[in-house]
Amino acid sequence: MYFMKNSKLRYLGEGLLIIIIVIMLAIGLNRLHNSLKESSNESSFIVDRTFEGCYDDCSDVAPLDYEAILAEERVQQQEEHKLAVAERKRQEKLEEERIAQEKERERLAQLEREKEEERKKKQQELEKERLARLEEKKKQPQTQLASRGTSNAGQWIRFEATHYGANCYKCSGITATGIDIRNTIYHNGMRVIAVDPNVIPLGSIVEVQTPHGTFKAVAGDTGGRIKGYIIDILVESEEASKKYGRVDVQLRILNQK
């Protein structure tokens, strides 16, 4: 009984082994068939491409030169590689030029900023110098010209001159000494100037040298901003005063009140 069971098992194992071998052979044959089919398709493609329609009698057509084809493909690959390298170098050069241009623009912008800072610095220095000169003028003795019989009478003294018109803001056309300047810039044939009475007494006759000419004037007016060695010269209008601006002048007292 035991022997019979062992025989059945052995036959069953051998049968399974045969079935597995058959399946593996079938799979191998199928793969071989597919491979041969693909090779046949590729060969047909090469033949069709090479012989250009030769399907019947192709005995007079030269066989394919596979080495020449491979050599041609290698040459083509080398050319493509050269083109790729050249394109990469061109792109790198363009990038270098772009970076150089950006650096140049930044350099020029930095120079412009430095120039602007230098210009502002110079303007500040000039403004400081101007304010220092004004402050120095204010520190000069206020009674230097105002004292009667002073030794400076008739001597030329440097003043800073501004200009104003009778139509200026909050101007009435009548000076601090009562001179009507609404229709003229003269009084008794002389120009009219505004002064600091502590420096030049009102009513004094003076001579003024300006970049625009020399004239005699009467100290007939005052002003809120006319302090120290500053005078304000009456001109035709406020528009004309802007044209004359602020200038340095020489002044001397001819007849002090």
Protein backbone atom coordinates (compact mmCIF):
# COMPACT_ATOMS: atom_id res chain seq x y z
CA MET A 1 0.00 0.00 0.00
CA TYR A 2 2.75 2.41 0.94
CA PHE A 3 4.64 1.61 -2.24
CA MET A 4 1.59 2.39 -4.39
CA LYS A 5 1.18 5.83 -2.83
CA ASN A 6 4.82 6.66 -3.42
CA SER A 7 4.54 5.65 -7.08
CA LYS A 8 1.54 7.90 -7.64
CA LEU A 9 3.32 10.84 -6.07
CA ARG A 10 6.39 10.28 -8.19
CA TYR A 11 4.32 10.12 -11.40
CA LEU A 12 2.47 13.28 -10.40
CA GLY A 13 5.77 15.15 -9.81
CA GLU A 14 7.21 14.07 -13.10
CA GLY A 15 4.05 15.22 -14.89
CA LEU A 16 4.24 18.67 -13.28
CA LEU A 17 7.92 18.98 -14.22
CA ILE A 18 7.12 18.13 -17.85
CA ILE A 19 4.33 20.74 -17.91
CA ILE A 20 6.69 23.43 -16.54
CA ILE A 21 9.36 22.57 -19.12
CA VAL A 22 6.79 22.80 -21.94
CA ILE A 23 5.58 26.23 -20.71
CA MET A 24 9.14 27.55 -20.53
CA LEU A 25 9.91 26.31 -24.04
CA ALA A 26 6.75 28.00 -25.33
CA ILE A 27 7.74 31.28 -23.72
CA GLY A 28 11.26 31.03 -25.17
CA LEU A 29 9.97 30.31 -28.65
CA ASN A 30 7.56 33.24 -28.45
CA ARG A 31 10.35 35.64 -27.47
CA LEU A 32 12.57 34.29 -30.27
CA HIS A 33 9.76 34.79 -32.75
CA ASN A 34 9.20 38.40 -31.66
CA SER A 35 12.91 39.14 -31.87
CA LEU A 36 13.17 37.72 -35.38
CA LYS A 37 10.10 39.69 -36.39
CA GLU A 38 11.60 42.97 -35.16
CA SER A 39 14.89 42.24 -36.93
CA SER A 40 12.99 41.50 -40.10
CA ASN A 41 11.11 44.80 -39.86
CA GLU A 42 14.34 46.75 -39.34
CA SER A 43 16.01 44.98 -42.25
CA SER A 44 13.00 45.69 -44.45
CA PHE A 45 13.14 49.33 -43.48
CA ILE A 46 16.84 49.54 -44.36
CA VAL A 47 16.33 47.71 -47.61
CA ASP A 48 13.35 49.91 -48.55
CA ARG A 49 15.27 53.07 -47.65
CA THR A 50 18.44 51.95 -49.47
CA PHE A 51 17.08 50.36 -52.60
CA GLU A 52 14.38 53.02 -53.04
CA GLY A 53 11.59 50.83 -54.35
CA CYS A 54 13.52 47.79 -55.51
CA TYR A 55 11.10 44.92 -54.80
CA ASP A 56 11.40 42.48 -57.72
CA ASP A 57 14.82 42.04 -59.28
CA CYS A 58 17.45 43.68 -57.07
CA SER A 59 20.46 41.78 -58.33
CA ASP A 60 22.01 44.91 -59.81
CA VAL A 61 21.70 46.89 -56.55
CA ALA A 62 24.80 47.12 -54.40
CA PRO A 63 24.49 45.55 -50.94
CA LEU A 64 24.28 47.73 -47.89
CA ASP A 65 27.57 49.03 -46.50
CA TYR A 66 26.83 48.86 -42.79
CA GLU A 67 30.22 50.24 -41.86
CA ALA A 68 29.62 53.29 -44.07
CA ILE A 69 26.21 53.78 -42.49
CA LEU A 70 27.69 53.57 -39.02
CA ALA A 71 30.49 55.94 -40.01
CA GLU A 72 27.94 58.40 -41.38
CA GLU A 73 25.97 58.20 -38.16
CA ARG A 74 29.14 58.80 -36.14
CA VAL A 75 29.95 61.84 -38.28
CA GLN A 76 26.43 63.13 -37.80
CA GLN A 77 26.67 62.62 -34.05
CA GLN A 78 30.01 64.47 -34.00
CA GLU A 79 28.51 67.37 -35.94
CA GLU A 80 25.55 67.50 -33.57
CA HIS A 81 27.96 67.47 -30.64
CA LYS A 82 29.99 70.30 -32.16
CA LEU A 83 26.82 72.32 -32.73
CA ALA A 84 25.71 71.71 -29.15
CA VAL A 85 29.11 72.77 -27.80
CA ALA A 86 29.10 75.89 -29.98
CA GLU A 87 25.58 76.80 -28.81
CA ARG A 88 26.55 76.31 -25.18
CA LYS A 89 29.59 78.55 -25.62
CA ARG A 90 27.45 81.16 -27.35
CA GLN A 91 24.97 81.14 -24.48
CA GLU A 92 27.81 81.40 -21.96
CA LYS A 93 29.26 84.37 -23.87
CA LEU A 94 25.87 86.08 -23.94
CA GLU A 95 25.50 85.55 -20.21
CA GLU A 96 28.97 86.99 -19.58
CA GLU A 97 28.11 90.04 -21.70
CA ARG A 98 24.82 90.50 -19.83
CA ILE A 99 26.59 90.33 -16.46
CA ALA A 100 29.25 92.79 -17.70
CA GLN A 101 26.55 95.21 -18.89
CA GLU A 102 24.77 95.00 -15.55
CA LYS A 103 28.03 95.71 -13.72
CA GLU A 104 28.72 98.69 -16.00
CA ARG A 105 25.23 100.08 -15.41
CA GLU A 106 25.69 99.69 -11.67
CA ARG A 107 29.09 101.40 -11.86
CA LEU A 108 27.65 104.35 -13.79
CA ALA A 109 24.72 104.60 -11.37
CA GLN A 110 27.16 104.61 -8.46
CA LEU A 111 29.14 107.41 -10.12
CA GLU A 112 25.95 109.42 -10.59
CA ARG A 113 25.05 108.91 -6.94
CA GLU A 114 28.51 110.01 -5.87
CA LYS A 115 28.32 113.10 -8.10
CA GLU A 116 24.90 113.98 -6.69
CA GLU A 117 26.17 113.57 -3.14
CA GLU A 118 29.20 115.74 -3.95
CA ARG A 119 26.97 118.39 -5.49
CA LYS A 120 24.70 118.44 -2.44
CA LYS A 121 27.74 118.61 -0.19
CA LYS A 122 29.09 121.62 -2.10
CA GLN A 123 25.70 123.33 -1.95
CA GLN A 124 25.59 122.78 1.80
CA GLU A 125 29.10 124.19 2.17
CA LEU A 126 28.20 127.25 0.09
CA GLU A 127 25.06 127.77 2.14
CA LYS A 128 27.06 127.51 5.35
CA GLU A 129 29.55 130.07 4.02
CA ARG A 130 26.75 132.44 3.05
CA LEU A 131 25.11 132.11 6.47
CA ALA A 132 28.50 132.60 8.13
CA ARG A 133 29.01 135.82 6.16
CA LEU A 134 25.57 137.05 7.18
CA GLU A 135 26.28 136.17 10.77
CA GLU A 136 29.60 138.00 10.58
CA LYS A 137 27.86 141.07 9.23
CA LYS A 138 25.35 140.95 12.06
CA LYS A 139 28.18 140.77 14.59
CA GLN A 140 29.72 144.01 13.30
CA PRO A 141 29.08 147.01 15.57
CA GLN A 142 25.56 148.23 14.86
CA THR A 143 26.46 151.86 15.63
CA GLN A 144 29.42 151.93 13.26
CA LEU A 145 27.55 153.95 10.62
CA ALA A 146 24.69 155.20 12.71
CA SER A 147 26.80 157.41 14.98
CA ARG A 148 26.84 161.03 13.92
CA GLY A 149 30.20 162.30 12.88
CA THR A 150 31.67 158.78 12.65
CA SER A 151 35.05 158.45 11.02
CA ASN A 152 33.53 155.94 8.54
CA ALA A 153 31.30 158.55 6.93
CA GLY A 154 32.07 158.69 3.23
CA GLN A 155 33.93 155.37 3.27
CA TRP A 156 32.78 152.50 1.11
CA ILE A 157 31.30 149.64 3.13
CA ARG A 158 30.23 146.28 1.73
CA PHE A 159 26.51 145.46 2.04
CA GLU A 160 24.28 142.70 0.81
CA ALA A 161 21.46 144.02 -1.36
CA THR A 162 18.05 142.56 -2.15
CA HIS A 163 15.33 144.13 -4.28
CA TYR A 164 11.61 144.74 -3.82
CA GLY A 165 8.70 146.29 -5.68
CA ALA A 166 5.99 148.60 -4.39
CA ASN A 167 3.46 145.86 -5.22
CA CYS A 168 5.10 143.35 -2.90
CA TYR A 169 3.04 141.26 -0.47
CA LYS A 170 1.59 143.40 2.34
CA CYS A 171 3.19 146.53 0.85
CA SER A 172 1.01 149.65 0.93
CA GLY A 173 3.02 151.75 -1.52
CA ILE A 174 3.94 154.20 1.24
CA THR A 175 7.36 153.83 2.86
CA ALA A 176 8.16 153.96 6.57
CA THR A 177 9.09 157.65 6.16
CA GLY A 178 5.91 158.50 4.21
CA ILE A 179 7.30 158.46 0.67
CA ASP A 180 4.68 157.53 -1.96
CA ILE A 181 6.28 154.88 -4.22
CA ARG A 182 3.15 153.52 -5.85
CA ASN A 183 4.00 154.98 -9.25
CA THR A 184 7.74 155.68 -9.04
CA ILE A 185 11.03 154.32 -7.73
CA TYR A 186 12.49 157.81 -7.19
CA HIS A 187 12.21 160.47 -4.50
CA ASN A 188 13.61 163.90 -5.22
CA GLY A 189 15.56 162.45 -8.13
CA MET A 190 17.13 159.67 -6.03
CA ARG A 191 16.43 156.00 -5.66
CA VAL A 192 14.74 154.66 -2.53
CA ILE A 193 16.23 151.95 -0.36
CA ALA A 194 15.11 150.18 2.79
CA VAL A 195 17.69 149.99 5.59
CA ASP A 196 18.24 148.93 9.17
CA PRO A 197 17.93 152.24 11.05
CA ASN A 198 20.46 150.99 13.59
CA VAL A 199 23.05 150.91 10.81
CA ILE A 200 21.93 153.72 8.46
CA PRO A 201 19.63 156.37 9.92
CA LEU A 202 16.40 156.97 8.01
CA GLY A 203 16.58 159.98 5.73
CA SER A 204 20.31 159.59 5.05
CA ILE A 205 21.55 160.14 1.53
CA VAL A 206 23.84 157.34 0.32
CA GLU A 207 25.64 156.27 -2.82
CA VAL A 208 25.35 152.64 -3.90
CA GLN A 209 27.57 150.71 -6.32
CA THR A 210 25.86 147.60 -7.72
CA PRO A 211 26.70 145.18 -10.58
CA HIS A 212 23.97 147.02 -12.52
CA GLY A 213 25.25 150.56 -11.94
CA THR A 214 25.92 153.30 -9.37
CA PHE A 215 23.27 155.66 -8.03
CA LYS A 216 22.33 157.92 -5.15
CA ALA A 217 19.52 156.86 -2.89
CA VAL A 218 17.61 157.98 0.16
CA ALA A 219 17.23 155.67 3.14
CA GLY A 220 13.49 156.01 3.19
CA ASP A 221 12.09 152.62 4.15
CA THR A 222 12.54 149.67 6.50
CA GLY A 223 11.77 145.95 6.34
CA GLY A 224 11.27 143.05 8.68
CA ARG A 225 14.15 141.13 7.10
CA ILE A 226 16.44 144.13 6.67
CA LYS A 227 18.78 143.65 9.61
CA GLY A 228 22.44 144.60 9.88
CA TYR A 229 24.43 145.25 6.74
CA ILE A 230 21.62 144.51 4.32
CA ILE A 231 19.70 146.97 2.16
CA ASP A 232 16.59 146.46 0.02
CA ILE A 233 16.56 148.43 -3.24
CA LEU A 234 13.21 149.60 -4.65
CA VAL A 235 12.67 148.47 -8.27
CA GLU A 236 9.79 148.70 -10.75
CA SER A 237 7.93 145.54 -9.65
CA GLU A 238 8.21 142.25 -7.85
CA GLU A 239 8.89 140.58 -11.20
CA ALA A 240 11.91 142.86 -11.69
CA SER A 241 13.10 142.12 -8.15
CA LYS A 242 13.36 138.43 -9.01
CA LYS A 243 15.52 139.30 -12.01
CA TYR A 244 17.98 141.38 -9.97
CA GLY A 245 18.12 138.86 -7.12
CA ARG A 246 20.55 139.12 -4.20
CA VAL A 247 23.95 140.76 -4.81
CA ASP A 248 26.90 142.28 -2.94
CA VAL A 249 27.18 146.07 -3.21
CA GLN A 250 29.34 148.91 -1.94
CA LEU A 251 27.69 151.76 -0.03
CA ARG A 252 28.85 155.03 1.46
CA ILE A 253 26.92 157.68 3.36
CA LEU A 254 26.96 161.12 1.71
CA ASN A 255 24.64 162.96 4.03
CA GLN A 256 23.74 161.33 7.31
CA LYS A 257 20.62 162.42 9.19
